[in-house]
Amino acid sequence: MSQATIERERELTLIYQTAQHITQLQSLSELLPRLVAEVSRAFNYNSMGILLVDEETNELEVRATIGLEREKHLGFRLPITDAPEDGIVGWVAYR
């Protein structure tokens, strides 16, 4: 098997497993930590996080992490802004 085929198979397996978890879990608080763990394992990431949009405050909130100082990052908020100098993550979310 070529490297591209192996990579594609790994990606499809991850998508399938994630879909299975989504249908089995009732809440984001259960899903997000599992999703972070699976994605980081599948792609061999040392650290990552999931940020969700809080539409009431127009901010991104860190809702799940792995390989980061969890207590320090969980709940951290970033403004969604059209000014890249205010933070690239918030600027990308604005786009």
N, C-alpha and C. Protein backbone atom coordinates (compact mmCIF):
# COMPACT_ATOMS: atom_id res chain seq x y z
N MET A 1 0.83 -1.18 0.00
CA MET A 1 0.00 0.00 0.00
C MET A 1 0.88 1.24 0.00
N SER A 2 0.46 2.23 -0.76
CA SER A 2 1.21 3.49 -0.79
C SER A 2 0.95 4.29 0.49
N GLN A 3 1.83 5.24 0.76
CA GLN A 3 1.68 6.09 1.94
C GLN A 3 0.39 6.89 1.87
N ALA A 4 0.03 7.36 0.66
CA ALA A 4 -1.20 8.13 0.48
C ALA A 4 -2.42 7.28 0.80
N THR A 5 -2.40 6.01 0.41
CA THR A 5 -3.51 5.10 0.68
C THR A 5 -3.63 4.84 2.18
N ILE A 6 -2.52 4.65 2.83
CA ILE A 6 -2.51 4.42 4.28
C ILE A 6 -3.06 5.64 5.01
N GLU A 7 -2.62 6.83 4.59
CA GLU A 7 -3.11 8.07 5.20
C GLU A 7 -4.60 8.25 5.00
N ARG A 8 -5.07 7.97 3.81
CA ARG A 8 -6.51 8.10 3.50
C ARG A 8 -7.32 7.12 4.33
N GLU A 9 -6.83 5.90 4.47
CA GLU A 9 -7.52 4.90 5.28
C GLU A 9 -7.60 5.34 6.73
N ARG A 10 -6.53 5.92 7.23
CA ARG A 10 -6.51 6.42 8.61
C ARG A 10 -7.51 7.55 8.78
N GLU A 11 -7.58 8.46 7.83
CA GLU A 11 -8.53 9.57 7.89
C GLU A 11 -9.97 9.07 7.87
N LEU A 12 -10.27 8.13 6.99
CA LEU A 12 -11.64 7.59 6.90
C LEU A 12 -12.02 6.84 8.17
N THR A 13 -11.07 6.12 8.74
CA THR A 13 -11.33 5.41 9.99
C THR A 13 -11.65 6.41 11.10
N LEU A 14 -10.90 7.49 11.16
CA LEU A 14 -11.15 8.52 12.17
C LEU A 14 -12.53 9.14 12.00
N ILE A 15 -12.90 9.44 10.77
CA ILE A 15 -14.23 10.00 10.50
C ILE A 15 -15.32 9.03 10.94
N TYR A 16 -15.15 7.77 10.62
CA TYR A 16 -16.14 6.75 10.99
C TYR A 16 -16.25 6.65 12.52
N GLN A 17 -15.11 6.57 13.19
CA GLN A 17 -15.12 6.45 14.66
C GLN A 17 -15.76 7.67 15.31
N THR A 18 -15.47 8.84 14.78
CA THR A 18 -16.05 10.06 15.32
C THR A 18 -17.56 10.07 15.14
N ALA A 19 -18.02 9.65 13.96
CA ALA A 19 -19.46 9.58 13.71
C ALA A 19 -20.13 8.60 14.67
N GLN A 20 -19.47 7.49 14.94
CA GLN A 20 -20.01 6.52 15.90
C GLN A 20 -20.16 7.16 17.28
N HIS A 21 -19.15 7.89 17.72
CA HIS A 21 -19.22 8.53 19.03
C HIS A 21 -20.29 9.60 19.09
N ILE A 22 -20.43 10.36 18.04
CA ILE A 22 -21.44 11.41 18.00
C ILE A 22 -22.83 10.81 18.18
N THR A 23 -23.09 9.70 17.54
CA THR A 23 -24.42 9.10 17.64
C THR A 23 -24.65 8.45 19.00
N GLN A 24 -23.60 8.10 19.72
CA GLN A 24 -23.74 7.42 21.01
C GLN A 24 -23.78 8.38 22.19
N LEU A 25 -23.18 9.54 22.07
CA LEU A 25 -23.07 10.46 23.19
C LEU A 25 -24.17 11.50 23.15
N GLN A 26 -24.55 11.93 24.31
CA GLN A 26 -25.65 12.87 24.44
C GLN A 26 -25.20 14.32 24.60
N SER A 27 -23.95 14.54 25.00
CA SER A 27 -23.54 15.91 25.29
C SER A 27 -22.15 16.21 24.74
N LEU A 28 -21.91 17.49 24.50
CA LEU A 28 -20.59 17.92 24.05
C LEU A 28 -19.53 17.66 25.11
N SER A 29 -19.90 17.78 26.37
CA SER A 29 -18.92 17.56 27.44
C SER A 29 -18.39 16.13 27.43
N GLU A 30 -19.16 15.19 26.89
CA GLU A 30 -18.69 13.81 26.73
C GLU A 30 -17.93 13.63 25.43
N LEU A 31 -18.41 14.26 24.37
CA LEU A 31 -17.85 14.07 23.04
C LEU A 31 -16.49 14.74 22.85
N LEU A 32 -16.34 15.98 23.25
CA LEU A 32 -15.14 16.74 22.93
C LEU A 32 -13.85 16.13 23.46
N PRO A 33 -13.77 15.69 24.71
CA PRO A 33 -12.53 15.05 25.17
C PRO A 33 -12.19 13.79 24.37
N ARG A 34 -13.19 13.00 24.02
CA ARG A 34 -12.93 11.81 23.21
C ARG A 34 -12.45 12.18 21.82
N LEU A 35 -13.07 13.19 21.24
CA LEU A 35 -12.69 13.65 19.92
C LEU A 35 -11.24 14.15 19.91
N VAL A 36 -10.86 14.94 20.89
CA VAL A 36 -9.48 15.42 20.99
C VAL A 36 -8.52 14.25 21.12
N ALA A 37 -8.85 13.29 21.95
CA ALA A 37 -7.97 12.13 22.14
C ALA A 37 -7.81 11.33 20.85
N GLU A 38 -8.90 11.09 20.14
CA GLU A 38 -8.83 10.30 18.91
C GLU A 38 -8.08 11.02 17.80
N VAL A 39 -8.35 12.29 17.62
CA VAL A 39 -7.67 13.04 16.56
C VAL A 39 -6.18 13.14 16.86
N SER A 40 -5.83 13.44 18.09
CA SER A 40 -4.40 13.55 18.43
C SER A 40 -3.69 12.22 18.26
N ARG A 41 -4.36 11.13 18.61
CA ARG A 41 -3.76 9.81 18.43
C ARG A 41 -3.63 9.46 16.94
N ALA A 42 -4.68 9.70 16.18
CA ALA A 42 -4.69 9.33 14.77
C ALA A 42 -3.65 10.11 13.96
N PHE A 43 -3.44 11.37 14.31
CA PHE A 43 -2.51 12.19 13.54
C PHE A 43 -1.19 12.43 14.27
N ASN A 44 -1.03 11.74 15.40
CA ASN A 44 0.21 11.82 16.17
C ASN A 44 0.54 13.25 16.61
N TYR A 45 -0.50 13.97 17.06
CA TYR A 45 -0.31 15.32 17.59
C TYR A 45 0.08 15.24 19.05
N ASN A 46 1.02 16.06 19.45
CA ASN A 46 1.41 16.12 20.86
C ASN A 46 0.44 16.93 21.69
N SER A 47 -0.13 17.94 21.06
CA SER A 47 -1.09 18.78 21.77
C SER A 47 -2.08 19.37 20.78
N MET A 48 -3.28 19.62 21.25
CA MET A 48 -4.30 20.26 20.43
C MET A 48 -5.46 20.67 21.33
N GLY A 49 -6.33 21.46 20.77
CA GLY A 49 -7.51 21.89 21.50
C GLY A 49 -8.66 22.11 20.55
N ILE A 50 -9.85 22.11 21.11
CA ILE A 50 -11.06 22.42 20.36
C ILE A 50 -11.64 23.69 20.95
N LEU A 51 -11.91 24.64 20.06
CA LEU A 51 -12.52 25.91 20.45
C LEU A 51 -13.89 25.98 19.81
N LEU A 52 -14.88 26.41 20.56
CA LEU A 52 -16.23 26.58 20.05
C LEU A 52 -16.62 28.05 20.14
N VAL A 53 -17.50 28.46 19.25
CA VAL A 53 -17.96 29.84 19.21
C VAL A 53 -19.06 30.05 20.25
N ASP A 54 -18.89 31.09 21.05
CA ASP A 54 -19.95 31.55 21.95
C ASP A 54 -20.60 32.73 21.24
N GLU A 55 -21.77 32.50 20.66
CA GLU A 55 -22.42 33.53 19.86
C GLU A 55 -22.90 34.72 20.68
N GLU A 56 -23.16 34.50 21.96
CA GLU A 56 -23.62 35.61 22.81
C GLU A 56 -22.53 36.63 23.05
N THR A 57 -21.28 36.16 23.19
CA THR A 57 -20.17 37.07 23.49
C THR A 57 -19.27 37.31 22.28
N ASN A 58 -19.53 36.60 21.18
CA ASN A 58 -18.70 36.69 19.97
C ASN A 58 -17.24 36.35 20.28
N GLU A 59 -17.08 35.25 21.02
CA GLU A 59 -15.75 34.79 21.41
C GLU A 59 -15.61 33.30 21.09
N LEU A 60 -14.36 32.87 21.01
CA LEU A 60 -14.04 31.45 20.94
C LEU A 60 -13.68 31.00 22.35
N GLU A 61 -14.15 29.82 22.72
CA GLU A 61 -13.84 29.29 24.05
C GLU A 61 -13.18 27.92 23.90
N VAL A 62 -12.05 27.72 24.58
CA VAL A 62 -11.37 26.43 24.57
C VAL A 62 -12.23 25.47 25.39
N ARG A 63 -12.72 24.40 24.73
CA ARG A 63 -13.62 23.47 25.40
C ARG A 63 -13.00 22.11 25.67
N ALA A 64 -11.93 21.76 24.96
CA ALA A 64 -11.25 20.48 25.20
C ALA A 64 -9.81 20.62 24.76
N THR A 65 -8.90 19.99 25.51
CA THR A 65 -7.48 20.02 25.17
C THR A 65 -6.83 18.68 25.47
N ILE A 66 -5.69 18.49 24.85
CA ILE A 66 -4.84 17.35 25.18
C ILE A 66 -3.40 17.80 24.99
N GLY A 67 -2.54 17.40 25.90
CA GLY A 67 -1.13 17.76 25.81
C GLY A 67 -0.84 19.20 26.17
N LEU A 68 -1.81 19.91 26.65
CA LEU A 68 -1.64 21.29 27.11
C LEU A 68 -1.93 21.32 28.60
N GLU A 69 -1.56 22.39 29.24
CA GLU A 69 -1.90 22.53 30.66
C GLU A 69 -3.41 22.76 30.74
N ARG A 70 -4.14 21.68 30.96
CA ARG A 70 -5.60 21.69 30.88
C ARG A 70 -6.22 22.80 31.72
N GLU A 71 -5.83 22.91 32.97
CA GLU A 71 -6.42 23.90 33.86
C GLU A 71 -6.15 25.32 33.37
N LYS A 72 -5.01 25.52 32.74
CA LYS A 72 -4.64 26.85 32.27
C LYS A 72 -5.42 27.24 31.01
N HIS A 73 -5.71 26.27 30.14
CA HIS A 73 -6.32 26.57 28.85
C HIS A 73 -7.83 26.34 28.79
N LEU A 74 -8.34 25.38 29.50
CA LEU A 74 -9.76 25.07 29.45
C LEU A 74 -10.58 26.27 29.90
N GLY A 75 -11.50 26.70 29.06
CA GLY A 75 -12.32 27.86 29.37
C GLY A 75 -11.72 29.18 28.88
N PHE A 76 -10.48 29.15 28.40
CA PHE A 76 -9.84 30.36 27.88
C PHE A 76 -10.66 30.90 26.72
N ARG A 77 -10.79 32.21 26.64
CA ARG A 77 -11.62 32.84 25.60
C ARG A 77 -10.77 33.78 24.75
N LEU A 78 -11.11 33.80 23.46
CA LEU A 78 -10.45 34.69 22.51
C LEU A 78 -11.52 35.46 21.75
N PRO A 79 -11.29 36.75 21.51
CA PRO A 79 -12.28 37.51 20.75
C PRO A 79 -12.26 37.11 19.27
N ILE A 80 -13.43 37.09 18.65
CA ILE A 80 -13.53 36.93 17.21
C ILE A 80 -13.46 38.34 16.63
N THR A 81 -12.45 38.58 15.81
CA THR A 81 -12.19 39.95 15.37
C THR A 81 -11.72 39.98 13.92
N ASP A 82 -11.91 41.11 13.28
CA ASP A 82 -11.44 41.26 11.91
C ASP A 82 -10.03 41.85 11.87
N ALA A 83 -9.40 42.01 13.02
CA ALA A 83 -8.05 42.56 13.11
C ALA A 83 -7.05 41.46 13.47
N PRO A 84 -6.22 41.03 12.51
CA PRO A 84 -5.28 39.94 12.78
C PRO A 84 -4.30 40.26 13.91
N GLU A 85 -4.03 41.53 14.14
CA GLU A 85 -3.10 41.87 15.22
C GLU A 85 -3.70 41.58 16.61
N ASP A 86 -5.02 41.37 16.67
CA ASP A 86 -5.68 41.00 17.93
C ASP A 86 -5.63 39.50 18.18
N GLY A 87 -5.10 38.74 17.24
CA GLY A 87 -4.98 37.29 17.40
C GLY A 87 -5.39 36.56 16.14
N ILE A 88 -4.52 35.71 15.65
CA ILE A 88 -4.76 35.02 14.39
C ILE A 88 -5.94 34.05 14.49
N VAL A 89 -6.12 33.42 15.63
CA VAL A 89 -7.22 32.45 15.78
C VAL A 89 -8.57 33.17 15.68
N GLY A 90 -8.72 34.28 16.36
CA GLY A 90 -9.95 35.05 16.29
C GLY A 90 -10.19 35.62 14.91
N TRP A 91 -9.13 36.00 14.23
CA TRP A 91 -9.23 36.53 12.88
C TRP A 91 -9.68 35.45 11.91
N VAL A 92 -9.12 34.24 12.03
CA VAL A 92 -9.54 33.13 11.16
C VAL A 92 -11.01 32.80 11.40
N ALA A 93 -11.44 32.79 12.65
CA ALA A 93 -12.85 32.51 12.95
C ALA A 93 -13.75 33.59 12.38
N TYR A 94 -13.27 34.82 12.33
CA TYR A 94 -14.05 35.92 11.75
C TYR A 94 -14.28 35.71 10.27
N ARG A 95 -13.29 35.19 9.58
CA ARG A 95 -13.36 34.98 8.14
C ARG A 95 -14.35 33.90 7.85
